[in-house]
């Protein structure tokens, strides 16, 4: 899968996306991640990508021209007959979850992640994108407001990439498939002493009774 990120702060993303599992996945060519500086798609000497919104009020909003130029430049590199989706990050968008991450990993070859800032993005972007035959959706990663879309972009890339075969190694390495979401785990020592108190591993996990262990894990799973 290819991830194209449109941002005005590409450096924010570099360190996280180049390390650990995601860094290895890119080296193995299981995923491709590319950042695009929105300022590269404006010609004026000030690299101005925002302007005051019509109707007045405080703050600035991203202009539509550089965004469309960036999208057109990105989609030119896509192979024919591949599935693509553009995502705008907004608190008003649909809640992104693990089920959606798994669906995206199977369905799409290319994801364009548009990281807004300030007061948002010119709303005409969605209509123009659709007229360019590009699917576009709004997503939120939680019931709160962030200063920009870079953190949500990294969340999506991480959660989707781990669903791609080979990224975590074996398929059973995916925690929710191996154990289930929210199932507590324990390791050595069997008894941990702190402040005069003992903290023990649940006896069922020490029993060797795999049927009972599975039953216990099922009881601890977070229900979606």
N, C-alpha and C. Protein backbone atom coordinates (compact mmCIF):
# COMPACT_ATOMS: atom_id res chain seq x y z
N UNK A 1 0.84 -1.19 0.00
CA UNK A 1 0.00 0.00 0.00
C UNK A 1 0.88 1.25 0.00
N UNK A 2 0.38 2.28 -0.68
CA UNK A 2 1.10 3.54 -0.71
C UNK A 2 0.32 4.60 0.06
N UNK A 3 1.01 5.31 0.95
CA UNK A 3 0.44 6.42 1.71
C UNK A 3 1.09 7.71 1.23
N UNK A 4 0.27 8.67 0.77
CA UNK A 4 0.76 10.00 0.40
C UNK A 4 0.18 11.01 1.37
N UNK A 5 1.06 11.74 2.05
CA UNK A 5 0.63 12.67 3.08
C UNK A 5 0.85 14.10 2.60
N UNK A 6 -0.23 14.88 2.59
CA UNK A 6 -0.13 16.30 2.23
C UNK A 6 -0.10 17.10 3.53
N UNK A 7 0.97 17.86 3.75
CA UNK A 7 1.17 18.56 5.01
C UNK A 7 2.01 19.80 4.78
N UNK A 8 2.00 20.71 5.73
CA UNK A 8 2.92 21.85 5.67
C UNK A 8 4.06 21.66 6.67
N UNK A 9 4.05 20.55 7.40
CA UNK A 9 5.11 20.24 8.36
C UNK A 9 5.60 18.79 8.17
N UNK A 10 6.24 18.50 7.04
CA UNK A 10 6.68 17.13 6.78
C UNK A 10 7.67 16.59 7.81
N UNK A 11 8.44 17.49 8.45
CA UNK A 11 9.44 17.04 9.41
C UNK A 11 8.81 16.39 10.63
N UNK A 12 7.56 16.79 10.96
CA UNK A 12 6.88 16.21 12.11
C UNK A 12 6.74 14.70 11.96
N UNK A 13 6.55 14.25 10.74
CA UNK A 13 6.25 12.85 10.47
C UNK A 13 7.48 11.96 10.31
N UNK A 14 8.59 12.56 9.94
CA UNK A 14 9.76 11.80 9.52
C UNK A 14 10.26 10.80 10.55
N UNK A 15 10.49 11.25 11.79
CA UNK A 15 11.13 10.38 12.77
C UNK A 15 10.27 9.17 13.12
N UNK A 16 8.99 9.38 13.32
CA UNK A 16 8.12 8.26 13.70
C UNK A 16 7.98 7.25 12.57
N UNK A 17 7.76 7.74 11.37
CA UNK A 17 7.48 6.85 10.25
C UNK A 17 8.71 6.10 9.74
N UNK A 18 9.90 6.55 10.12
CA UNK A 18 11.13 5.90 9.63
C UNK A 18 11.71 4.90 10.62
N UNK A 19 11.08 4.75 11.78
CA UNK A 19 11.62 3.87 12.81
C UNK A 19 10.80 2.59 12.98
N UNK A 20 11.37 1.64 13.70
CA UNK A 20 10.70 0.44 14.17
C UNK A 20 10.00 -0.34 13.05
N UNK A 21 8.79 -0.79 13.32
CA UNK A 21 8.06 -1.67 12.40
C UNK A 21 7.76 -0.96 11.07
N UNK A 22 7.35 0.31 11.13
CA UNK A 22 7.04 1.02 9.90
C UNK A 22 8.29 1.25 9.05
N UNK A 23 9.41 1.53 9.70
CA UNK A 23 10.66 1.70 8.97
C UNK A 23 11.05 0.41 8.27
N UNK A 24 10.92 -0.72 8.97
CA UNK A 24 11.25 -2.01 8.38
C UNK A 24 10.29 -2.36 7.24
N UNK A 25 9.01 -2.05 7.42
CA UNK A 25 8.01 -2.35 6.39
C UNK A 25 8.30 -1.59 5.10
N UNK A 26 8.81 -0.37 5.23
CA UNK A 26 9.17 0.40 4.04
C UNK A 26 10.40 -0.18 3.35
N UNK A 27 11.38 -0.60 4.14
CA UNK A 27 12.59 -1.21 3.56
C UNK A 27 12.24 -2.50 2.82
N UNK A 28 11.26 -3.23 3.35
CA UNK A 28 10.83 -4.48 2.72
C UNK A 28 9.83 -4.24 1.59
N UNK A 29 9.51 -2.96 1.35
CA UNK A 29 8.58 -2.56 0.29
C UNK A 29 7.17 -3.14 0.48
N UNK A 30 6.80 -3.33 1.73
CA UNK A 30 5.44 -3.76 2.04
C UNK A 30 4.50 -2.55 2.06
N UNK A 31 5.05 -1.41 2.44
CA UNK A 31 4.31 -0.14 2.37
C UNK A 31 5.24 0.92 1.82
N UNK A 32 4.65 1.94 1.23
CA UNK A 32 5.41 3.11 0.76
C UNK A 32 4.77 4.35 1.36
N UNK A 33 5.58 5.16 2.00
CA UNK A 33 5.08 6.37 2.66
C UNK A 33 5.84 7.57 2.11
N UNK A 34 5.09 8.54 1.61
CA UNK A 34 5.72 9.73 1.04
C UNK A 34 5.01 10.98 1.53
N UNK A 35 5.78 11.95 1.98
CA UNK A 35 5.20 13.23 2.41
C UNK A 35 5.35 14.25 1.29
N UNK A 36 4.35 15.13 1.18
CA UNK A 36 4.33 16.17 0.16
C UNK A 36 4.08 17.51 0.86
N UNK A 37 5.03 18.41 0.74
CA UNK A 37 4.90 19.73 1.35
C UNK A 37 3.95 20.57 0.51
N UNK A 38 2.83 20.96 1.10
CA UNK A 38 1.82 21.73 0.36
C UNK A 38 2.39 23.02 -0.21
N UNK A 39 3.39 23.58 0.45
CA UNK A 39 3.97 24.84 -0.03
C UNK A 39 4.70 24.67 -1.37
N UNK A 40 5.03 23.44 -1.73
CA UNK A 40 5.70 23.20 -3.01
C UNK A 40 4.74 23.36 -4.19
N UNK A 41 3.45 23.52 -3.89
CA UNK A 41 2.45 23.60 -4.96
C UNK A 41 1.87 25.01 -5.12
N UNK A 42 2.60 26.00 -4.60
CA UNK A 42 2.24 27.41 -4.82
C UNK A 42 3.44 28.11 -5.44
N UNK A 43 3.17 29.12 -6.27
CA UNK A 43 4.23 29.77 -7.02
C UNK A 43 4.70 31.10 -6.43
N UNK A 44 3.88 31.72 -5.59
CA UNK A 44 4.30 33.03 -5.08
C UNK A 44 5.49 32.87 -4.13
N UNK A 45 6.26 33.93 -4.01
CA UNK A 45 7.53 33.85 -3.27
C UNK A 45 7.34 33.62 -1.77
N UNK A 46 6.12 33.90 -1.26
CA UNK A 46 5.85 33.71 0.16
C UNK A 46 5.32 32.31 0.47
N UNK A 47 5.10 31.50 -0.59
CA UNK A 47 4.59 30.13 -0.41
C UNK A 47 3.31 30.12 0.41
N UNK A 48 2.40 31.01 0.07
CA UNK A 48 1.18 31.18 0.84
C UNK A 48 0.14 30.10 0.47
N UNK A 49 -0.24 29.31 1.45
CA UNK A 49 -1.19 28.22 1.21
C UNK A 49 -2.52 28.44 1.93
N UNK A 50 -2.63 29.57 2.67
CA UNK A 50 -3.86 29.83 3.42
C UNK A 50 -4.36 31.24 3.14
N UNK A 51 -5.61 31.49 3.55
CA UNK A 51 -6.20 32.82 3.35
C UNK A 51 -7.35 32.97 4.33
N UNK A 52 -7.85 34.20 4.45
CA UNK A 52 -8.98 34.45 5.34
C UNK A 52 -10.25 33.83 4.76
N UNK A 53 -11.06 33.19 5.58
CA UNK A 53 -12.30 32.59 5.07
C UNK A 53 -13.35 33.64 4.78
N UNK A 54 -14.16 33.39 3.74
CA UNK A 54 -15.29 34.29 3.45
C UNK A 54 -16.27 34.27 4.61
N UNK A 55 -16.87 35.41 4.87
CA UNK A 55 -17.83 35.52 5.96
C UNK A 55 -17.23 36.10 7.22
N UNK A 56 -15.91 36.27 7.20
CA UNK A 56 -15.26 36.87 8.34
C UNK A 56 -14.93 35.88 9.45
N UNK A 57 -14.45 36.41 10.55
CA UNK A 57 -14.06 35.58 11.67
C UNK A 57 -12.55 35.46 11.78
N UNK A 58 -12.12 34.98 12.94
CA UNK A 58 -10.69 34.85 13.18
C UNK A 58 -10.13 33.62 12.48
N UNK A 59 -8.82 33.64 12.27
CA UNK A 59 -8.15 32.47 11.73
C UNK A 59 -8.06 32.44 10.22
N UNK A 60 -7.32 31.43 9.74
CA UNK A 60 -7.08 31.25 8.32
C UNK A 60 -7.49 29.83 7.93
N UNK A 61 -7.69 29.63 6.61
CA UNK A 61 -8.06 28.30 6.12
C UNK A 61 -7.19 27.96 4.91
N UNK A 62 -6.97 26.67 4.68
CA UNK A 62 -6.19 26.24 3.52
C UNK A 62 -6.93 26.57 2.23
N UNK A 63 -6.21 27.13 1.28
CA UNK A 63 -6.77 27.44 -0.03
C UNK A 63 -6.95 26.17 -0.85
N UNK A 64 -7.87 26.23 -1.80
CA UNK A 64 -8.17 25.03 -2.57
C UNK A 64 -7.16 24.75 -3.68
N UNK A 65 -6.60 25.81 -4.31
CA UNK A 65 -5.73 25.60 -5.47
C UNK A 65 -4.52 24.72 -5.17
N UNK A 66 -3.73 25.02 -4.14
CA UNK A 66 -2.57 24.15 -3.90
C UNK A 66 -2.94 22.72 -3.52
N UNK A 67 -4.07 22.55 -2.83
CA UNK A 67 -4.50 21.21 -2.46
C UNK A 67 -4.83 20.37 -3.69
N UNK A 68 -5.57 20.97 -4.63
CA UNK A 68 -5.92 20.23 -5.85
C UNK A 68 -4.68 19.94 -6.69
N UNK A 69 -3.76 20.89 -6.77
CA UNK A 69 -2.52 20.66 -7.51
C UNK A 69 -1.73 19.50 -6.88
N UNK A 70 -1.69 19.47 -5.55
CA UNK A 70 -0.98 18.39 -4.86
C UNK A 70 -1.63 17.05 -5.15
N UNK A 71 -2.95 17.00 -5.07
CA UNK A 71 -3.68 15.75 -5.33
C UNK A 71 -3.46 15.28 -6.76
N UNK A 72 -3.54 16.20 -7.72
CA UNK A 72 -3.35 15.83 -9.12
C UNK A 72 -1.93 15.31 -9.37
N UNK A 73 -0.96 15.94 -8.72
CA UNK A 73 0.42 15.51 -8.87
C UNK A 73 0.62 14.10 -8.30
N UNK A 74 -0.01 13.84 -7.17
CA UNK A 74 0.12 12.53 -6.51
C UNK A 74 -0.55 11.43 -7.33
N UNK A 75 -1.78 11.69 -7.77
CA UNK A 75 -2.54 10.64 -8.46
C UNK A 75 -1.96 10.29 -9.83
N UNK A 76 -1.17 11.20 -10.40
CA UNK A 76 -0.52 10.90 -11.69
C UNK A 76 0.41 9.70 -11.59
N UNK A 77 0.96 9.48 -10.39
CA UNK A 77 1.92 8.39 -10.20
C UNK A 77 1.25 7.05 -9.92
N UNK A 78 -0.07 7.05 -9.74
CA UNK A 78 -0.76 5.81 -9.39
C UNK A 78 -0.92 4.90 -10.60
N UNK A 79 -0.77 3.62 -10.38
CA UNK A 79 -0.94 2.65 -11.45
C UNK A 79 -2.41 2.54 -11.84
N UNK A 80 -2.69 2.26 -13.10
CA UNK A 80 -4.08 2.09 -13.54
C UNK A 80 -4.77 0.95 -12.79
N UNK A 81 -6.07 1.08 -12.64
CA UNK A 81 -6.91 0.05 -12.04
C UNK A 81 -6.53 -0.27 -10.59
N UNK A 82 -6.05 0.74 -9.88
CA UNK A 82 -5.80 0.58 -8.45
C UNK A 82 -6.84 1.39 -7.69
N UNK A 83 -7.14 0.95 -6.47
CA UNK A 83 -8.15 1.61 -5.64
C UNK A 83 -7.50 2.69 -4.79
N UNK A 84 -8.07 3.91 -4.86
CA UNK A 84 -7.51 5.04 -4.14
C UNK A 84 -8.58 5.76 -3.32
N UNK A 85 -8.15 6.36 -2.22
CA UNK A 85 -9.05 7.12 -1.36
C UNK A 85 -8.28 8.29 -0.76
N UNK A 86 -8.91 9.47 -0.77
CA UNK A 86 -8.35 10.63 -0.09
C UNK A 86 -9.09 10.82 1.24
N UNK A 87 -8.36 11.17 2.28
CA UNK A 87 -8.95 11.33 3.61
C UNK A 87 -8.63 12.72 4.14
N UNK A 88 -9.68 13.40 4.59
CA UNK A 88 -9.54 14.68 5.27
C UNK A 88 -9.74 14.42 6.76
N UNK A 89 -8.82 14.93 7.58
CA UNK A 89 -8.97 14.75 9.03
C UNK A 89 -9.71 15.94 9.62
N UNK A 90 -10.82 15.63 10.29
CA UNK A 90 -11.66 16.66 10.90
C UNK A 90 -12.39 16.07 12.09
N UNK A 91 -12.58 16.84 13.17
CA UNK A 91 -13.32 16.34 14.33
C UNK A 91 -14.75 15.95 13.99
N UNK A 92 -15.27 16.48 12.87
CA UNK A 92 -16.64 16.18 12.46
C UNK A 92 -16.73 14.92 11.61
N UNK A 93 -15.60 14.29 11.32
CA UNK A 93 -15.59 13.12 10.47
C UNK A 93 -16.03 11.85 11.17
N UNK A 94 -16.15 10.77 10.41
CA UNK A 94 -16.50 9.46 10.97
C UNK A 94 -15.38 8.97 11.88
N UNK A 95 -15.76 8.27 12.94
CA UNK A 95 -14.78 7.74 13.88
C UNK A 95 -13.98 6.60 13.23
N UNK A 96 -12.67 6.77 13.16
CA UNK A 96 -11.82 5.72 12.62
C UNK A 96 -11.60 4.66 13.70
N UNK A 97 -11.68 3.38 13.32
CA UNK A 97 -11.48 2.31 14.29
C UNK A 97 -10.71 1.15 13.65
N UNK A 98 -10.46 0.12 14.45
CA UNK A 98 -9.65 -1.00 13.98
C UNK A 98 -10.31 -1.77 12.85
N UNK A 99 -11.64 -1.85 12.89
CA UNK A 99 -12.38 -2.53 11.83
C UNK A 99 -12.17 -1.81 10.49
N UNK A 100 -12.22 -0.49 10.53
CA UNK A 100 -12.00 0.31 9.32
C UNK A 100 -10.56 0.13 8.83
N UNK A 101 -9.60 0.08 9.75
CA UNK A 101 -8.20 -0.12 9.38
C UNK A 101 -8.02 -1.42 8.61
N UNK A 102 -8.65 -2.49 9.10
CA UNK A 102 -8.54 -3.79 8.44
C UNK A 102 -9.20 -3.76 7.06
N UNK A 103 -10.33 -3.07 6.95
CA UNK A 103 -11.02 -2.96 5.67
C UNK A 103 -10.19 -2.19 4.66
N UNK A 104 -9.58 -1.09 5.10
CA UNK A 104 -8.75 -0.28 4.20
C UNK A 104 -7.53 -1.05 3.72
N UNK A 105 -6.94 -1.85 4.60
CA UNK A 105 -5.75 -2.63 4.24
C UNK A 105 -6.06 -3.60 3.12
N UNK A 106 -7.27 -4.10 3.08
CA UNK A 106 -7.67 -5.06 2.05
C UNK A 106 -8.17 -4.37 0.78
N UNK A 107 -8.84 -3.22 0.94
CA UNK A 107 -9.54 -2.60 -0.18
C UNK A 107 -8.69 -1.65 -1.01
N UNK A 108 -7.84 -0.85 -0.37
CA UNK A 108 -7.18 0.24 -1.09
C UNK A 108 -5.70 -0.03 -1.36
N UNK A 109 -5.25 0.48 -2.51
CA UNK A 109 -3.84 0.44 -2.87
C UNK A 109 -3.14 1.75 -2.54
N UNK A 110 -3.91 2.85 -2.57
CA UNK A 110 -3.35 4.19 -2.34
C UNK A 110 -4.24 4.98 -1.40
N UNK A 111 -3.64 5.61 -0.41
CA UNK A 111 -4.38 6.51 0.48
C UNK A 111 -3.68 7.87 0.49
N UNK A 112 -4.47 8.92 0.22
CA UNK A 112 -3.96 10.29 0.32
C UNK A 112 -4.48 10.88 1.62
N UNK A 113 -3.58 11.26 2.50
CA UNK A 113 -3.95 11.77 3.82
C UNK A 113 -3.71 13.28 3.85
N UNK A 114 -4.79 14.03 3.98
CA UNK A 114 -4.72 15.49 3.91
C UNK A 114 -4.74 16.06 5.32
N UNK A 115 -3.61 16.64 5.71
CA UNK A 115 -3.44 17.14 7.07
C UNK A 115 -3.75 18.64 7.12
N UNK A 116 -4.93 18.97 7.57
CA UNK A 116 -5.34 20.37 7.68
C UNK A 116 -4.69 21.06 8.87
N UNK A 117 -4.81 22.36 8.89
CA UNK A 117 -4.32 23.20 9.99
C UNK A 117 -5.24 24.41 10.11
N UNK A 118 -5.03 25.20 11.13
CA UNK A 118 -5.75 26.46 11.32
C UNK A 118 -7.26 26.22 11.42
N UNK A 119 -8.04 26.94 10.61
CA UNK A 119 -9.51 26.83 10.71
C UNK A 119 -10.08 25.76 9.78
N UNK A 120 -9.20 25.03 9.10
CA UNK A 120 -9.69 23.96 8.24
C UNK A 120 -9.29 24.13 6.78
N UNK A 121 -10.08 23.50 5.91
CA UNK A 121 -9.79 23.44 4.49
C UNK A 121 -10.99 23.95 3.70
N UNK A 122 -10.74 24.65 2.62
CA UNK A 122 -11.82 25.11 1.74
C UNK A 122 -12.74 23.92 1.41
N UNK A 123 -14.02 24.06 1.76
CA UNK A 123 -14.98 22.96 1.66
C UNK A 123 -15.21 22.48 0.23
N UNK A 124 -14.84 23.27 -0.76
CA UNK A 124 -15.02 22.84 -2.15
C UNK A 124 -14.10 21.70 -2.55
N UNK A 125 -13.12 21.41 -1.71
CA UNK A 125 -12.18 20.34 -2.01
C UNK A 125 -12.90 19.02 -2.27
N UNK A 126 -13.89 18.71 -1.47
CA UNK A 126 -14.60 17.43 -1.61
C UNK A 126 -15.30 17.31 -2.96
N UNK A 127 -15.99 18.37 -3.39
CA UNK A 127 -16.69 18.33 -4.67
C UNK A 127 -15.72 18.23 -5.84
N UNK A 128 -14.63 18.99 -5.75
CA UNK A 128 -13.64 18.96 -6.85
C UNK A 128 -13.01 17.58 -6.94
N UNK A 129 -12.66 17.00 -5.80
CA UNK A 129 -12.04 15.67 -5.78
C UNK A 129 -12.96 14.63 -6.41
N UNK A 130 -14.24 14.70 -6.07
CA UNK A 130 -15.20 13.75 -6.63
C UNK A 130 -15.36 13.92 -8.14
N UNK A 131 -15.30 15.18 -8.60
CA UNK A 131 -15.37 15.43 -10.03
C UNK A 131 -14.12 14.92 -10.76
N UNK A 132 -13.03 14.80 -10.00
CA UNK A 132 -11.80 14.24 -10.56
C UNK A 132 -11.78 12.71 -10.42
N UNK A 133 -12.94 12.15 -10.03
CA UNK A 133 -13.12 10.70 -9.89
C UNK A 133 -12.27 10.11 -8.77
N UNK A 134 -12.05 10.91 -7.73
CA UNK A 134 -11.30 10.43 -6.57
C UNK A 134 -12.23 10.33 -5.37
N UNK A 135 -12.29 9.16 -4.78
CA UNK A 135 -13.09 8.99 -3.57
C UNK A 135 -12.47 9.81 -2.45
N UNK A 136 -13.32 10.46 -1.66
CA UNK A 136 -12.82 11.28 -0.56
C UNK A 136 -13.76 11.16 0.63
N UNK A 137 -13.19 11.01 1.83
CA UNK A 137 -13.99 10.86 3.04
C UNK A 137 -13.37 11.66 4.17
N UNK A 138 -14.22 12.00 5.17
CA UNK A 138 -13.78 12.71 6.37
C UNK A 138 -13.68 11.73 7.53
N UNK A 139 -12.57 11.78 8.26
CA UNK A 139 -12.39 10.90 9.41
C UNK A 139 -11.85 11.66 10.62
N UNK A 140 -12.21 11.16 11.79
CA UNK A 140 -11.70 11.65 13.07
C UNK A 140 -11.09 10.48 13.81
N UNK A 141 -10.05 10.72 14.61
CA UNK A 141 -9.49 9.64 15.41
C UNK A 141 -9.96 9.70 16.86
N UNK A 142 -10.83 10.64 17.17
CA UNK A 142 -11.34 10.69 18.54
C UNK A 142 -12.18 11.92 18.79
N UNK A 143 -12.89 11.95 19.92
CA UNK A 143 -13.78 13.07 20.25
C UNK A 143 -13.04 14.25 20.86
N UNK A 144 -12.10 14.78 20.11
CA UNK A 144 -11.33 15.93 20.58
C UNK A 144 -10.79 16.67 19.37
N UNK A 145 -10.28 17.87 19.59
CA UNK A 145 -9.76 18.69 18.50
C UNK A 145 -8.24 18.81 18.63
N UNK A 146 -7.53 18.56 17.55
CA UNK A 146 -6.08 18.67 17.52
C UNK A 146 -5.67 19.91 16.73
N UNK A 147 -4.41 20.28 16.82
CA UNK A 147 -3.93 21.47 16.10
C UNK A 147 -3.67 21.20 14.63
N UNK A 148 -3.61 19.92 14.24
CA UNK A 148 -3.38 19.59 12.85
C UNK A 148 -3.63 18.12 12.57
N UNK A 149 -3.54 17.75 11.30
CA UNK A 149 -3.85 16.39 10.90
C UNK A 149 -2.67 15.44 10.87
N UNK A 150 -1.49 15.90 11.30
CA UNK A 150 -0.31 15.04 11.22
C UNK A 150 -0.39 13.84 12.17
N UNK A 151 -0.82 14.08 13.40
CA UNK A 151 -0.97 12.96 14.35
C UNK A 151 -2.01 11.95 13.87
N UNK A 152 -3.20 12.38 13.43
CA UNK A 152 -4.15 11.41 12.87
C UNK A 152 -3.58 10.64 11.68
N UNK A 153 -2.80 11.30 10.84
CA UNK A 153 -2.20 10.61 9.69
C UNK A 153 -1.30 9.48 10.15
N UNK A 154 -0.49 9.73 11.17
CA UNK A 154 0.40 8.70 11.68
C UNK A 154 -0.39 7.56 12.33
N UNK A 155 -1.48 7.91 13.01
CA UNK A 155 -2.33 6.88 13.61
C UNK A 155 -2.90 5.96 12.54
N UNK A 156 -3.41 6.53 11.46
CA UNK A 156 -3.98 5.72 10.37
C UNK A 156 -2.92 4.85 9.72
N UNK A 157 -1.76 5.43 9.44
CA UNK A 157 -0.71 4.66 8.79
C UNK A 157 -0.28 3.48 9.66
N UNK A 158 -0.13 3.72 10.94
CA UNK A 158 0.28 2.67 11.87
C UNK A 158 -0.78 1.58 11.95
N UNK A 159 -2.04 1.98 12.16
CA UNK A 159 -3.11 1.00 12.37
C UNK A 159 -3.43 0.21 11.10
N UNK A 160 -3.31 0.84 9.94
CA UNK A 160 -3.57 0.14 8.68
C UNK A 160 -2.40 -0.75 8.29
N UNK A 161 -1.18 -0.25 8.45
CA UNK A 161 0.01 -1.00 8.03
C UNK A 161 0.13 -2.32 8.77
N UNK A 162 -0.20 -2.34 10.04
CA UNK A 162 -0.05 -3.58 10.82
C UNK A 162 -1.03 -4.67 10.38
N UNK A 163 -2.05 -4.27 9.57
CA UNK A 163 -3.00 -5.23 9.04
C UNK A 163 -2.53 -5.83 7.70
N UNK A 164 -1.46 -5.27 7.15
CA UNK A 164 -0.95 -5.73 5.87
C UNK A 164 -0.07 -6.95 6.09
N UNK A 165 -0.32 -8.05 5.38
CA UNK A 165 0.46 -9.27 5.56
C UNK A 165 1.96 -9.03 5.46
N UNK A 166 2.69 -9.53 6.45
CA UNK A 166 4.14 -9.42 6.45
C UNK A 166 4.69 -8.28 7.29
N UNK A 167 3.88 -7.25 7.55
CA UNK A 167 4.38 -6.09 8.29
C UNK A 167 4.75 -6.46 9.73
N UNK A 168 3.92 -7.27 10.37
CA UNK A 168 4.22 -7.72 11.73
C UNK A 168 4.90 -9.08 11.76
N UNK A 169 5.32 -9.56 10.60
CA UNK A 169 5.90 -10.89 10.53
C UNK A 169 4.81 -11.90 10.20
N UNK A 170 4.51 -12.78 11.13
CA UNK A 170 3.46 -13.77 10.95
C UNK A 170 2.11 -13.15 11.24
N UNK A 171 1.07 -13.66 10.58
CA UNK A 171 -0.28 -13.14 10.74
C UNK A 171 -0.75 -13.22 12.19
N UNK A 172 -0.30 -14.26 12.91
CA UNK A 172 -0.74 -14.42 14.30
C UNK A 172 -0.09 -13.42 15.24
N UNK A 173 0.85 -12.61 14.70
CA UNK A 173 1.45 -11.57 15.52
C UNK A 173 0.49 -10.43 15.80
N UNK A 174 -0.58 -10.32 15.02
CA UNK A 174 -1.57 -9.28 15.25
C UNK A 174 -2.28 -9.56 16.56
N UNK A 175 -2.13 -8.67 17.51
CA UNK A 175 -2.60 -8.91 18.88
C UNK A 175 -4.07 -9.28 18.96
N UNK A 176 -4.93 -8.55 18.21
CA UNK A 176 -6.36 -8.79 18.31
C UNK A 176 -6.77 -10.14 17.74
N UNK A 177 -5.92 -10.69 16.86
CA UNK A 177 -6.19 -12.04 16.34
C UNK A 177 -5.63 -13.10 17.28
N UNK A 178 -4.50 -12.78 17.91
CA UNK A 178 -3.83 -13.74 18.78
C UNK A 178 -4.52 -13.87 20.13
N UNK A 179 -4.83 -12.75 20.73
CA UNK A 179 -5.40 -12.75 22.07
C UNK A 179 -6.81 -12.16 22.11
N UNK A 180 -6.95 -11.02 21.44
CA UNK A 180 -8.19 -10.26 21.54
C UNK A 180 -7.88 -8.90 22.12
N UNK A 181 -8.64 -7.89 21.74
CA UNK A 181 -8.38 -6.53 22.18
C UNK A 181 -8.63 -6.41 23.68
N UNK A 182 -7.65 -5.87 24.39
CA UNK A 182 -7.81 -5.60 25.81
C UNK A 182 -7.47 -6.73 26.75
N UNK A 183 -7.10 -7.91 26.22
CA UNK A 183 -6.77 -9.04 27.09
C UNK A 183 -5.46 -8.75 27.82
N UNK A 184 -5.45 -8.78 29.16
CA UNK A 184 -4.22 -8.51 29.91
C UNK A 184 -3.19 -9.61 29.72
N UNK A 185 -1.92 -9.24 29.75
CA UNK A 185 -0.84 -10.21 29.62
C UNK A 185 0.08 -10.12 30.84
N UNK A 186 0.73 -11.22 31.17
CA UNK A 186 1.63 -11.30 32.32
C UNK A 186 2.90 -12.02 31.91
N UNK A 187 4.01 -11.68 32.57
CA UNK A 187 5.27 -12.38 32.32
C UNK A 187 6.00 -12.56 33.65
N UNK A 188 7.19 -13.11 33.64
CA UNK A 188 7.95 -13.37 34.85
C UNK A 188 8.35 -12.07 35.55
N UNK A 189 8.42 -12.04 36.90
CA UNK A 189 8.29 -13.18 37.80
C UNK A 189 6.82 -13.54 38.08
N UNK A 190 6.60 -14.75 38.54
CA UNK A 190 5.24 -15.19 38.86
C UNK A 190 4.64 -14.36 39.98
N UNK A 191 5.47 -13.99 40.96
CA UNK A 191 5.06 -13.12 42.06
C UNK A 191 5.97 -11.91 42.11
N UNK A 192 5.39 -10.73 42.02
CA UNK A 192 6.16 -9.49 42.08
C UNK A 192 5.84 -8.80 43.40
N UNK A 193 6.88 -8.42 44.15
CA UNK A 193 6.70 -7.80 45.45
C UNK A 193 7.10 -6.33 45.36
N UNK A 194 6.20 -5.46 45.79
CA UNK A 194 6.48 -4.01 45.79
C UNK A 194 5.76 -3.38 46.97
N UNK A 195 6.50 -2.64 47.80
CA UNK A 195 5.90 -1.97 48.96
C UNK A 195 5.30 -2.95 49.97
N UNK A 196 5.90 -4.13 50.04
CA UNK A 196 5.41 -5.12 50.98
C UNK A 196 4.20 -5.90 50.50
N UNK A 197 3.72 -5.60 49.31
CA UNK A 197 2.56 -6.31 48.76
C UNK A 197 2.98 -7.24 47.64
N UNK A 198 2.25 -8.36 47.52
CA UNK A 198 2.52 -9.34 46.47
C UNK A 198 1.52 -9.19 45.34
N UNK A 199 2.02 -9.24 44.12
CA UNK A 199 1.19 -9.16 42.92
C UNK A 199 1.42 -10.43 42.10
N UNK A 200 0.40 -11.27 42.04
CA UNK A 200 0.54 -12.59 41.44
C UNK A 200 -0.07 -12.66 40.04
N UNK A 201 0.50 -13.54 39.24
CA UNK A 201 -0.07 -13.88 37.94
C UNK A 201 -1.33 -14.72 38.19
N UNK A 202 -2.44 -14.47 37.47
CA UNK A 202 -3.65 -15.30 37.66
C UNK A 202 -3.33 -16.79 37.55
N UNK A 203 -3.86 -17.57 38.46
CA UNK A 203 -3.55 -19.00 38.53
C UNK A 203 -3.90 -19.74 37.25
N UNK A 204 -4.97 -19.32 36.57
CA UNK A 204 -5.39 -20.03 35.37
C UNK A 204 -4.30 -20.02 34.30
N UNK A 205 -3.49 -18.95 34.25
CA UNK A 205 -2.44 -18.85 33.25
C UNK A 205 -1.25 -19.77 33.57
N UNK A 206 -1.21 -20.23 34.79
CA UNK A 206 -0.13 -21.14 35.22
C UNK A 206 -0.57 -22.59 35.20
N UNK A 207 -1.84 -22.82 34.89
CA UNK A 207 -2.42 -24.15 35.01
C UNK A 207 -2.01 -25.12 33.91
N UNK A 208 -1.67 -24.59 32.74
CA UNK A 208 -1.39 -25.46 31.60
C UNK A 208 -2.64 -25.98 30.92
N UNK A 209 -3.80 -25.58 31.42
CA UNK A 209 -5.09 -25.99 30.86
C UNK A 209 -5.47 -25.00 29.77
N UNK A 210 -5.16 -25.34 28.53
CA UNK A 210 -5.35 -24.39 27.42
C UNK A 210 -6.82 -24.04 27.19
N UNK A 211 -7.70 -24.96 27.46
CA UNK A 211 -9.13 -24.70 27.31
C UNK A 211 -9.60 -23.64 28.29
N UNK A 212 -9.14 -23.75 29.55
CA UNK A 212 -9.52 -22.78 30.57
C UNK A 212 -8.84 -21.43 30.33
N UNK A 213 -7.61 -21.49 29.82
CA UNK A 213 -6.90 -20.23 29.51
C UNK A 213 -7.63 -19.47 28.41
N UNK A 214 -8.06 -20.19 27.37
CA UNK A 214 -8.79 -19.56 26.29
C UNK A 214 -10.11 -18.99 26.78
N UNK A 215 -10.78 -19.71 27.65
CA UNK A 215 -12.04 -19.26 28.24
C UNK A 215 -11.82 -17.98 29.04
N UNK A 216 -10.73 -17.93 29.81
CA UNK A 216 -10.39 -16.74 30.61
C UNK A 216 -10.11 -15.54 29.70
N UNK A 217 -9.35 -15.78 28.63
CA UNK A 217 -9.02 -14.69 27.70
C UNK A 217 -10.27 -14.15 27.01
N UNK A 218 -11.17 -15.04 26.64
CA UNK A 218 -12.42 -14.61 26.01
C UNK A 218 -13.23 -13.73 26.95
N UNK A 219 -13.18 -14.04 28.23
CA UNK A 219 -13.94 -13.26 29.22
C UNK A 219 -13.36 -11.88 29.44
N UNK A 220 -12.07 -11.71 29.09
CA UNK A 220 -11.39 -10.43 29.31
C UNK A 220 -11.37 -9.53 28.08
N UNK A 221 -11.80 -10.06 26.95
CA UNK A 221 -11.77 -9.27 25.73
C UNK A 221 -12.70 -8.08 25.80
N UNK A 222 -12.26 -6.99 25.19
CA UNK A 222 -13.12 -5.81 25.07
C UNK A 222 -14.10 -6.07 23.94
N UNK A 223 -15.37 -5.91 24.23
CA UNK A 223 -16.39 -6.16 23.21
C UNK A 223 -16.56 -4.92 22.36
N UNK A 224 -16.44 -5.09 21.02
CA UNK A 224 -16.60 -3.96 20.09
C UNK A 224 -18.06 -3.71 19.76
